[in-house]
Each structure stands twice: as C-alpha cells, then as structure tokens.
All heavy atoms as atom14 arrays in JSON, in Angstrom:
{
  "sequence": "TGFHASMVLAPDDGVGAVALANTGAFNPVAMTTPTVDAL",
  "atom14_mask": [
    [1, 1, 1, 1, 1, 1, 1, 0, 0, 0, 0, 0, 0, 0],
    [1, 1, 1, 1, 0, 0, 0, 0, 0, 0, 0, 0, 0, 0],
    [1, 1, 1, 1, 1, 1, 1, 1, 1, 1, 1, 0, 0, 0],
    [1, 1, 1, 1, 1, 1, 1, 1, 1, 1, 0, 0, 0, 0],
    [1, 1, 1, 1, 1, 0, 0, 0, 0, 0, 0, 0, 0, 0],
    [1, 1, 1, 1, 1, 1, 0, 0, 0, 0, 0, 0, 0, 0],
    [1, 1, 1, 1, 1, 1, 1, 1, 0, 0, 0, 0, 0, 0],
    [1, 1, 1, 1, 1, 1, 1, 0, 0, 0, 0, 0, 0, 0],
    [1, 1, 1, 1, 1, 1, 1, 1, 0, 0, 0, 0, 0, 0],
    [1, 1, 1, 1, 1, 0, 0, 0, 0, 0, 0, 0, 0, 0],
    [1, 1, 1, 1, 1, 1, 1, 0, 0, 0, 0, 0, 0, 0],
    [1, 1, 1, 1, 1, 1, 1, 1, 0, 0, 0, 0, 0, 0],
    [1, 1, 1, 1, 1, 1, 1, 1, 0, 0, 0, 0, 0, 0],
    [1, 1, 1, 1, 0, 0, 0, 0, 0, 0, 0, 0, 0, 0],
    [1, 1, 1, 1, 1, 1, 1, 0, 0, 0, 0, 0, 0, 0],
    [1, 1, 1, 1, 0, 0, 0, 0, 0, 0, 0, 0, 0, 0],
    [1, 1, 1, 1, 1, 0, 0, 0, 0, 0, 0, 0, 0, 0],
    [1, 1, 1, 1, 1, 1, 1, 0, 0, 0, 0, 0, 0, 0],
    [1, 1, 1, 1, 1, 0, 0, 0, 0, 0, 0, 0, 0, 0],
    [1, 1, 1, 1, 1, 1, 1, 1, 0, 0, 0, 0, 0, 0],
    [1, 1, 1, 1, 1, 0, 0, 0, 0, 0, 0, 0, 0, 0],
    [1, 1, 1, 1, 1, 1, 1, 1, 0, 0, 0, 0, 0, 0],
    [1, 1, 1, 1, 1, 1, 1, 0, 0, 0, 0, 0, 0, 0],
    [1, 1, 1, 1, 0, 0, 0, 0, 0, 0, 0, 0, 0, 0],
    [1, 1, 1, 1, 1, 0, 0, 0, 0, 0, 0, 0, 0, 0],
    [1, 1, 1, 1, 1, 1, 1, 1, 1, 1, 1, 0, 0, 0],
    [1, 1, 1, 1, 1, 1, 1, 1, 0, 0, 0, 0, 0, 0],
    [1, 1, 1, 1, 1, 1, 1, 0, 0, 0, 0, 0, 0, 0],
    [1, 1, 1, 1, 1, 1, 1, 0, 0, 0, 0, 0, 0, 0],
    [1, 1, 1, 1, 1, 0, 0, 0, 0, 0, 0, 0, 0, 0],
    [1, 1, 1, 1, 1, 1, 1, 1, 0, 0, 0, 0, 0, 0],
    [1, 1, 1, 1, 1, 1, 1, 0, 0, 0, 0, 0, 0, 0],
    [1, 1, 1, 1, 1, 1, 1, 0, 0, 0, 0, 0, 0, 0],
    [1, 1, 1, 1, 1, 1, 1, 0, 0, 0, 0, 0, 0, 0],
    [1, 1, 1, 1, 1, 1, 1, 0, 0, 0, 0, 0, 0, 0],
    [1, 1, 1, 1, 1, 1, 1, 0, 0, 0, 0, 0, 0, 0],
    [1, 1, 1, 1, 1, 1, 1, 1, 0, 0, 0, 0, 0, 0],
    [1, 1, 1, 1, 1, 0, 0, 0, 0, 0, 0, 0, 0, 0],
    [1, 1, 1, 1, 1, 1, 1, 1, 0, 0, 0, 0, 0, 0]
  ],
  "atom14_positions": [
    [[134.13, 89.81, 143.89], [134.68, 89.86, 142.52], [134.11, 88.72, 141.69], [134.3, 87.56, 141.98], [136.21, 89.8, 142.59], [136.77, 89.73, 141.28], [136.72, 88.64, 143.41], [0.0, 0.0, 0.0], [0.0, 0.0, 0.0], [0.0, 0.0, 0.0], [0.0, 0.0, 0.0], [0.0, 0.0, 0.0], [0.0, 0.0, 0.0], [0.0, 0.0, 0.0]],
    [[133.34, 89.11, 140.67], [132.69, 88.14, 139.79], [131.29, 87.68, 140.23], [130.67, 86.95, 139.46], [0.0, 0.0, 0.0], [0.0, 0.0, 0.0], [0.0, 0.0, 0.0], [0.0, 0.0, 0.0], [0.0, 0.0, 0.0], [0.0, 0.0, 0.0], [0.0, 0.0, 0.0], [0.0, 0.0, 0.0], [0.0, 0.0, 0.0], [0.0, 0.0, 0.0]],
    [[130.83, 88.09, 141.37], [129.56, 87.59, 141.88], [128.77, 88.69, 142.58], [129.35, 89.54, 143.28], [129.77, 86.44, 142.89], [130.41, 85.22, 142.28], [131.77, 85.04, 142.36], [129.63, 84.26, 141.64], [132.38, 83.89, 141.79], [130.22, 83.14, 141.09], [131.6, 82.95, 141.16], [0.0, 0.0, 0.0], [0.0, 0.0, 0.0], [0.0, 0.0, 0.0]],
    [[127.46, 88.62, 142.43], [126.54, 89.55, 143.2], [125.34, 88.75, 143.64], [124.91, 87.78, 143.0], [126.06, 90.68, 142.27], [127.14, 91.68, 141.97], [127.26, 92.27, 140.76], [128.17, 92.18, 142.73], [128.3, 93.12, 140.8], [128.86, 93.1, 141.97], [0.0, 0.0, 0.0], [0.0, 0.0, 0.0], [0.0, 0.0, 0.0], [0.0, 0.0, 0.0]],
    [[124.79, 89.16, 144.77], [123.62, 88.51, 145.37], [122.69, 89.54, 146.0], [123.19, 90.53, 146.56], [124.01, 87.47, 146.4], [0.0, 0.0, 0.0], [0.0, 0.0, 0.0], [0.0, 0.0, 0.0], [0.0, 0.0, 0.0], [0.0, 0.0, 0.0], [0.0, 0.0, 0.0], [0.0, 0.0, 0.0], [0.0, 0.0, 0.0], [0.0, 0.0, 0.0]],
    [[121.42, 89.33, 145.88], [120.47, 90.25, 146.51], [119.27, 89.47, 147.04], [118.8, 88.52, 146.41], [119.97, 91.31, 145.5], [121.04, 92.11, 145.07], [0.0, 0.0, 0.0], [0.0, 0.0, 0.0], [0.0, 0.0, 0.0], [0.0, 0.0, 0.0], [0.0, 0.0, 0.0], [0.0, 0.0, 0.0], [0.0, 0.0, 0.0], [0.0, 0.0, 0.0]],
    [[118.77, 89.87, 148.19], [117.61, 89.29, 148.8], [116.72, 90.41, 149.32], [117.2, 91.38, 149.97], [118.04, 88.37, 150.0], [116.85, 87.75, 150.77], [117.44, 86.8, 152.2], [117.96, 88.11, 153.3], [0.0, 0.0, 0.0], [0.0, 0.0, 0.0], [0.0, 0.0, 0.0], [0.0, 0.0, 0.0], [0.0, 0.0, 0.0], [0.0, 0.0, 0.0]],
    [[115.42, 90.37, 149.07], [114.49, 91.37, 149.55], [113.16, 90.68, 149.9], [112.74, 89.73, 149.25], [114.29, 92.47, 148.45], [113.68, 91.87, 147.19], [113.45, 93.64, 148.98], [0.0, 0.0, 0.0], [0.0, 0.0, 0.0], [0.0, 0.0, 0.0], [0.0, 0.0, 0.0], [0.0, 0.0, 0.0], [0.0, 0.0, 0.0], [0.0, 0.0, 0.0]],
    [[112.54, 91.16, 150.98], [111.27, 90.56, 151.36], [110.37, 91.59, 152.07], [110.84, 92.54, 152.67], [111.45, 89.36, 152.28], [112.33, 89.44, 153.51], [111.72, 88.67, 154.65], [113.72, 88.88, 153.17], [0.0, 0.0, 0.0], [0.0, 0.0, 0.0], [0.0, 0.0, 0.0], [0.0, 0.0, 0.0], [0.0, 0.0, 0.0], [0.0, 0.0, 0.0]],
    [[109.08, 91.43, 151.87], [108.06, 92.24, 152.52], [107.36, 91.37, 153.5], [106.41, 90.66, 153.19], [107.09, 92.8, 151.48], [0.0, 0.0, 0.0], [0.0, 0.0, 0.0], [0.0, 0.0, 0.0], [0.0, 0.0, 0.0], [0.0, 0.0, 0.0], [0.0, 0.0, 0.0], [0.0, 0.0, 0.0], [0.0, 0.0, 0.0], [0.0, 0.0, 0.0]],
    [[107.78, 91.41, 154.8], [107.26, 90.48, 155.8], [105.75, 90.57, 156.02], [105.09, 89.54, 156.21], [107.98, 90.86, 157.09], [109.2, 91.61, 156.67], [108.81, 92.32, 155.37], [0.0, 0.0, 0.0], [0.0, 0.0, 0.0], [0.0, 0.0, 0.0], [0.0, 0.0, 0.0], [0.0, 0.0, 0.0], [0.0, 0.0, 0.0], [0.0, 0.0, 0.0]],
    [[105.19, 91.77, 155.93], [103.74, 91.95, 156.17], [102.91, 91.4, 155.02], [101.71, 91.18, 155.16], [103.46, 93.4, 156.42], [104.16, 93.99, 157.57], [104.52, 93.24, 158.53], [104.54, 95.17, 157.5], [0.0, 0.0, 0.0], [0.0, 0.0, 0.0], [0.0, 0.0, 0.0], [0.0, 0.0, 0.0], [0.0, 0.0, 0.0], [0.0, 0.0, 0.0]],
    [[103.58, 91.26, 153.81], [102.83, 90.82, 152.63], [103.12, 89.42, 152.27], [102.51, 88.87, 151.34], [103.15, 91.78, 151.46], [102.84, 93.22, 151.76], [101.66, 93.58, 151.54], [103.69, 93.93, 152.22], [0.0, 0.0, 0.0], [0.0, 0.0, 0.0], [0.0, 0.0, 0.0], [0.0, 0.0, 0.0], [0.0, 0.0, 0.0], [0.0, 0.0, 0.0]],
    [[104.09, 88.77, 152.95], [104.4, 87.39, 152.72], [105.08, 87.09, 151.37], [104.92, 85.99, 150.82], [0.0, 0.0, 0.0], [0.0, 0.0, 0.0], [0.0, 0.0, 0.0], [0.0, 0.0, 0.0], [0.0, 0.0, 0.0], [0.0, 0.0, 0.0], [0.0, 0.0, 0.0], [0.0, 0.0, 0.0], [0.0, 0.0, 0.0], [0.0, 0.0, 0.0]],
    [[105.81, 88.06, 150.79], [106.5, 87.85, 149.56], [107.97, 88.24, 149.67], [108.32, 89.1, 150.45], [105.86, 88.68, 148.36], [104.39, 88.24, 148.15], [105.92, 90.15, 148.67], [0.0, 0.0, 0.0], [0.0, 0.0, 0.0], [0.0, 0.0, 0.0], [0.0, 0.0, 0.0], [0.0, 0.0, 0.0], [0.0, 0.0, 0.0], [0.0, 0.0, 0.0]],
    [[108.79, 87.57, 148.86], [110.2, 87.85, 148.87], [110.84, 87.29, 147.61], [110.27, 86.49, 146.9], [0.0, 0.0, 0.0], [0.0, 0.0, 0.0], [0.0, 0.0, 0.0], [0.0, 0.0, 0.0], [0.0, 0.0, 0.0], [0.0, 0.0, 0.0], [0.0, 0.0, 0.0], [0.0, 0.0, 0.0], [0.0, 0.0, 0.0], [0.0, 0.0, 0.0]],
    [[112.06, 87.8, 147.32], [112.77, 87.39, 146.15], [114.27, 87.34, 146.4], [114.78, 88.14, 147.22], [112.46, 88.26, 144.95], [0.0, 0.0, 0.0], [0.0, 0.0, 0.0], [0.0, 0.0, 0.0], [0.0, 0.0, 0.0], [0.0, 0.0, 0.0], [0.0, 0.0, 0.0], [0.0, 0.0, 0.0], [0.0, 0.0, 0.0], [0.0, 0.0, 0.0]],
    [[115.01, 86.46, 145.69], [116.43, 86.42, 145.81], [116.98, 86.23, 144.42], [116.35, 85.56, 143.57], [116.87, 85.27, 146.76], [116.41, 83.93, 146.24], [118.38, 85.28, 146.96], [0.0, 0.0, 0.0], [0.0, 0.0, 0.0], [0.0, 0.0, 0.0], [0.0, 0.0, 0.0], [0.0, 0.0, 0.0], [0.0, 0.0, 0.0], [0.0, 0.0, 0.0]],
    [[118.14, 86.82, 144.14], [118.8, 86.67, 142.85], [120.28, 86.48, 143.08], [120.88, 87.21, 143.9], [118.53, 87.88, 141.94], [0.0, 0.0, 0.0], [0.0, 0.0, 0.0], [0.0, 0.0, 0.0], [0.0, 0.0, 0.0], [0.0, 0.0, 0.0], [0.0, 0.0, 0.0], [0.0, 0.0, 0.0], [0.0, 0.0, 0.0], [0.0, 0.0, 0.0]],
    [[120.87, 85.52, 142.4], [122.31, 85.22, 142.5], [122.89, 85.26, 141.09], [122.33, 84.58, 140.18], [122.52, 83.83, 143.16], [121.77, 83.55, 144.48], [122.0, 82.12, 144.87], [122.27, 84.49, 145.55], [0.0, 0.0, 0.0], [0.0, 0.0, 0.0], [0.0, 0.0, 0.0], [0.0, 0.0, 0.0], [0.0, 0.0, 0.0], [0.0, 0.0, 0.0]],
    [[124.02, 85.95, 140.9], [124.57, 86.09, 139.57], [126.08, 85.91, 139.61], [126.73, 86.15, 140.63], [124.23, 87.47, 138.99], [0.0, 0.0, 0.0], [0.0, 0.0, 0.0], [0.0, 0.0, 0.0], [0.0, 0.0, 0.0], [0.0, 0.0, 0.0], [0.0, 0.0, 0.0], [0.0, 0.0, 0.0], [0.0, 0.0, 0.0], [0.0, 0.0, 0.0]],
    [[126.66, 85.48, 138.47], [128.06, 85.2, 138.4], [128.84, 86.12, 137.47], [129.78, 85.72, 136.81], [128.31, 83.76, 138.02], [127.85, 83.38, 136.64], [126.95, 84.06, 136.11], [128.45, 82.37, 136.02], [0.0, 0.0, 0.0], [0.0, 0.0, 0.0], [0.0, 0.0, 0.0], [0.0, 0.0, 0.0], [0.0, 0.0, 0.0], [0.0, 0.0, 0.0]],
    [[128.44, 87.39, 137.41], [129.11, 88.38, 136.61], [129.05, 89.74, 137.32], [128.0, 90.19, 137.7], [128.47, 88.52, 135.21], [128.45, 87.22, 134.58], [129.3, 89.48, 134.34], [0.0, 0.0, 0.0], [0.0, 0.0, 0.0], [0.0, 0.0, 0.0], [0.0, 0.0, 0.0], [0.0, 0.0, 0.0], [0.0, 0.0, 0.0], [0.0, 0.0, 0.0]],
    [[130.24, 90.36, 137.46], [130.25, 91.72, 138.0], [131.56, 92.05, 138.62], [132.31, 91.23, 139.1], [0.0, 0.0, 0.0], [0.0, 0.0, 0.0], [0.0, 0.0, 0.0], [0.0, 0.0, 0.0], [0.0, 0.0, 0.0], [0.0, 0.0, 0.0], [0.0, 0.0, 0.0], [0.0, 0.0, 0.0], [0.0, 0.0, 0.0], [0.0, 0.0, 0.0]],
    [[131.88, 93.34, 138.57], [133.12, 93.82, 139.18], [132.89, 93.94, 140.69], [131.76, 93.8, 141.22], [133.5, 95.19, 138.6], [0.0, 0.0, 0.0], [0.0, 0.0, 0.0], [0.0, 0.0, 0.0], [0.0, 0.0, 0.0], [0.0, 0.0, 0.0], [0.0, 0.0, 0.0], [0.0, 0.0, 0.0], [0.0, 0.0, 0.0], [0.0, 0.0, 0.0]],
    [[133.95, 94.23, 141.39], [133.9, 94.35, 142.86], [133.4, 95.72, 143.23], [134.1, 96.55, 143.77], [135.3, 94.08, 143.46], [135.35, 94.03, 144.95], [134.47, 93.19, 145.65], [136.29, 94.73, 145.65], [134.52, 93.13, 147.02], [136.36, 94.67, 147.05], [135.46, 93.88, 147.73], [0.0, 0.0, 0.0], [0.0, 0.0, 0.0], [0.0, 0.0, 0.0]],
    [[132.13, 96.0, 142.89], [131.51, 97.24, 143.25], [129.98, 97.0, 143.25], [129.51, 95.97, 142.76], [131.86, 98.35, 142.27], [131.39, 98.08, 140.86], [130.2, 97.9, 140.61], [132.28, 98.14, 139.89], [0.0, 0.0, 0.0], [0.0, 0.0, 0.0], [0.0, 0.0, 0.0], [0.0, 0.0, 0.0], [0.0, 0.0, 0.0], [0.0, 0.0, 0.0]],
    [[129.17, 97.92, 143.87], [127.76, 97.62, 144.02], [126.88, 97.77, 142.84], [125.67, 97.6, 142.9], [127.36, 98.62, 145.13], [128.32, 99.75, 144.99], [129.63, 99.11, 144.55], [0.0, 0.0, 0.0], [0.0, 0.0, 0.0], [0.0, 0.0, 0.0], [0.0, 0.0, 0.0], [0.0, 0.0, 0.0], [0.0, 0.0, 0.0], [0.0, 0.0, 0.0]],
    [[127.45, 98.12, 141.65], [126.67, 98.28, 140.43], [126.47, 96.89, 139.86], [127.39, 96.31, 139.25], [127.35, 99.21, 139.47], [126.51, 99.37, 138.21], [127.63, 100.56, 140.1], [0.0, 0.0, 0.0], [0.0, 0.0, 0.0], [0.0, 0.0, 0.0], [0.0, 0.0, 0.0], [0.0, 0.0, 0.0], [0.0, 0.0, 0.0], [0.0, 0.0, 0.0]],
    [[125.24, 96.37, 139.94], [125.01, 94.95, 139.55], [123.55, 94.76, 139.19], [122.7, 95.62, 139.42], [125.4, 94.03, 140.66], [0.0, 0.0, 0.0], [0.0, 0.0, 0.0], [0.0, 0.0, 0.0], [0.0, 0.0, 0.0], [0.0, 0.0, 0.0], [0.0, 0.0, 0.0], [0.0, 0.0, 0.0], [0.0, 0.0, 0.0], [0.0, 0.0, 0.0]],
    [[123.27, 93.58, 138.6], [121.94, 93.34, 138.1], [121.03, 92.68, 139.16], [119.82, 92.63, 139.02], [121.96, 92.43, 136.86], [122.27, 90.94, 137.08], [123.91, 90.61, 137.8], [124.98, 91.3, 136.53], [0.0, 0.0, 0.0], [0.0, 0.0, 0.0], [0.0, 0.0, 0.0], [0.0, 0.0, 0.0], [0.0, 0.0, 0.0], [0.0, 0.0, 0.0]],
    [[121.57, 92.11, 140.25], [120.72, 91.34, 141.14], [119.8, 92.26, 141.93], [118.63, 91.91, 142.17], [121.6, 90.53, 142.12], [122.53, 91.37, 142.76], [122.33, 89.44, 141.39], [0.0, 0.0, 0.0], [0.0, 0.0, 0.0], [0.0, 0.0, 0.0], [0.0, 0.0, 0.0], [0.0, 0.0, 0.0], [0.0, 0.0, 0.0], [0.0, 0.0, 0.0]],
    [[120.26, 93.46, 142.35], [119.4, 94.34, 143.15], [118.27, 94.88, 142.29], [117.08, 94.81, 142.73], [120.22, 95.45, 143.75], [121.1, 94.94, 144.74], [119.3, 96.46, 144.46], [0.0, 0.0, 0.0], [0.0, 0.0, 0.0], [0.0, 0.0, 0.0], [0.0, 0.0, 0.0], [0.0, 0.0, 0.0], [0.0, 0.0, 0.0], [0.0, 0.0, 0.0]],
    [[118.48, 95.4, 141.07], [117.31, 95.79, 140.29], [116.4, 94.67, 139.93], [115.19, 94.86, 139.8], [117.92, 96.44, 139.03], [119.35, 96.06, 139.03], [119.75, 95.83, 140.45], [0.0, 0.0, 0.0], [0.0, 0.0, 0.0], [0.0, 0.0, 0.0], [0.0, 0.0, 0.0], [0.0, 0.0, 0.0], [0.0, 0.0, 0.0], [0.0, 0.0, 0.0]],
    [[116.92, 93.46, 139.85], [116.07, 92.28, 139.59], [115.09, 91.99, 140.74], [113.86, 91.93, 140.51], [116.94, 91.04, 139.33], [117.75, 91.21, 138.21], [116.04, 89.82, 139.13], [0.0, 0.0, 0.0], [0.0, 0.0, 0.0], [0.0, 0.0, 0.0], [0.0, 0.0, 0.0], [0.0, 0.0, 0.0], [0.0, 0.0, 0.0], [0.0, 0.0, 0.0]],
    [[115.63, 91.91, 141.94], [114.71, 91.61, 143.06], [113.83, 92.79, 143.39], [112.64, 92.59, 143.76], [115.47, 91.16, 144.32], [116.23, 89.83, 144.05], [116.43, 92.21, 144.84], [0.0, 0.0, 0.0], [0.0, 0.0, 0.0], [0.0, 0.0, 0.0], [0.0, 0.0, 0.0], [0.0, 0.0, 0.0], [0.0, 0.0, 0.0], [0.0, 0.0, 0.0]],
    [[114.29, 94.01, 143.21], [113.44, 95.18, 143.49], [112.31, 95.24, 142.46], [111.16, 95.52, 142.82], [114.3, 96.48, 143.33], [115.22, 96.68, 144.55], [115.09, 95.93, 145.51], [116.07, 97.61, 144.51], [0.0, 0.0, 0.0], [0.0, 0.0, 0.0], [0.0, 0.0, 0.0], [0.0, 0.0, 0.0], [0.0, 0.0, 0.0], [0.0, 0.0, 0.0]],
    [[112.6, 94.96, 141.17], [111.53, 94.99, 140.2], [110.49, 93.89, 140.43], [109.31, 94.1, 140.33], [112.13, 94.82, 138.76], [0.0, 0.0, 0.0], [0.0, 0.0, 0.0], [0.0, 0.0, 0.0], [0.0, 0.0, 0.0], [0.0, 0.0, 0.0], [0.0, 0.0, 0.0], [0.0, 0.0, 0.0], [0.0, 0.0, 0.0], [0.0, 0.0, 0.0]],
    [[110.98, 92.71, 140.84], [110.01, 91.63, 141.17], [109.16, 91.97, 142.36], [107.96, 91.73, 142.37], [110.78, 90.34, 141.43], [111.33, 89.58, 140.23], [112.25, 88.45, 140.64], [110.14, 89.0, 139.39], [0.0, 0.0, 0.0], [0.0, 0.0, 0.0], [0.0, 0.0, 0.0], [0.0, 0.0, 0.0], [0.0, 0.0, 0.0], [0.0, 0.0, 0.0]]
  ]
}
C-alpha cells in the first residue's frame, strides 16, 4: 500500500534495472514494472 518495486535483469547480457516508487494502490498496476521493462 503506497509503494511499488520492480527488478529485472538479463544475466547473459550483463544488464539489469531496478525501480522503487512511493505511489500506488495495493494492486499490481504500477509504474515500476513498465519502467524497468522499457529500460
């Protein structure tokens, strides 16, 4: 409630991203996942 976090990495390519945010309802619709996926 109020927070979302996402982490994604491509081990074979040596790249990864993480995003932490302090806004959101208690459901999976949030900005952190599209952020790390787009990166």
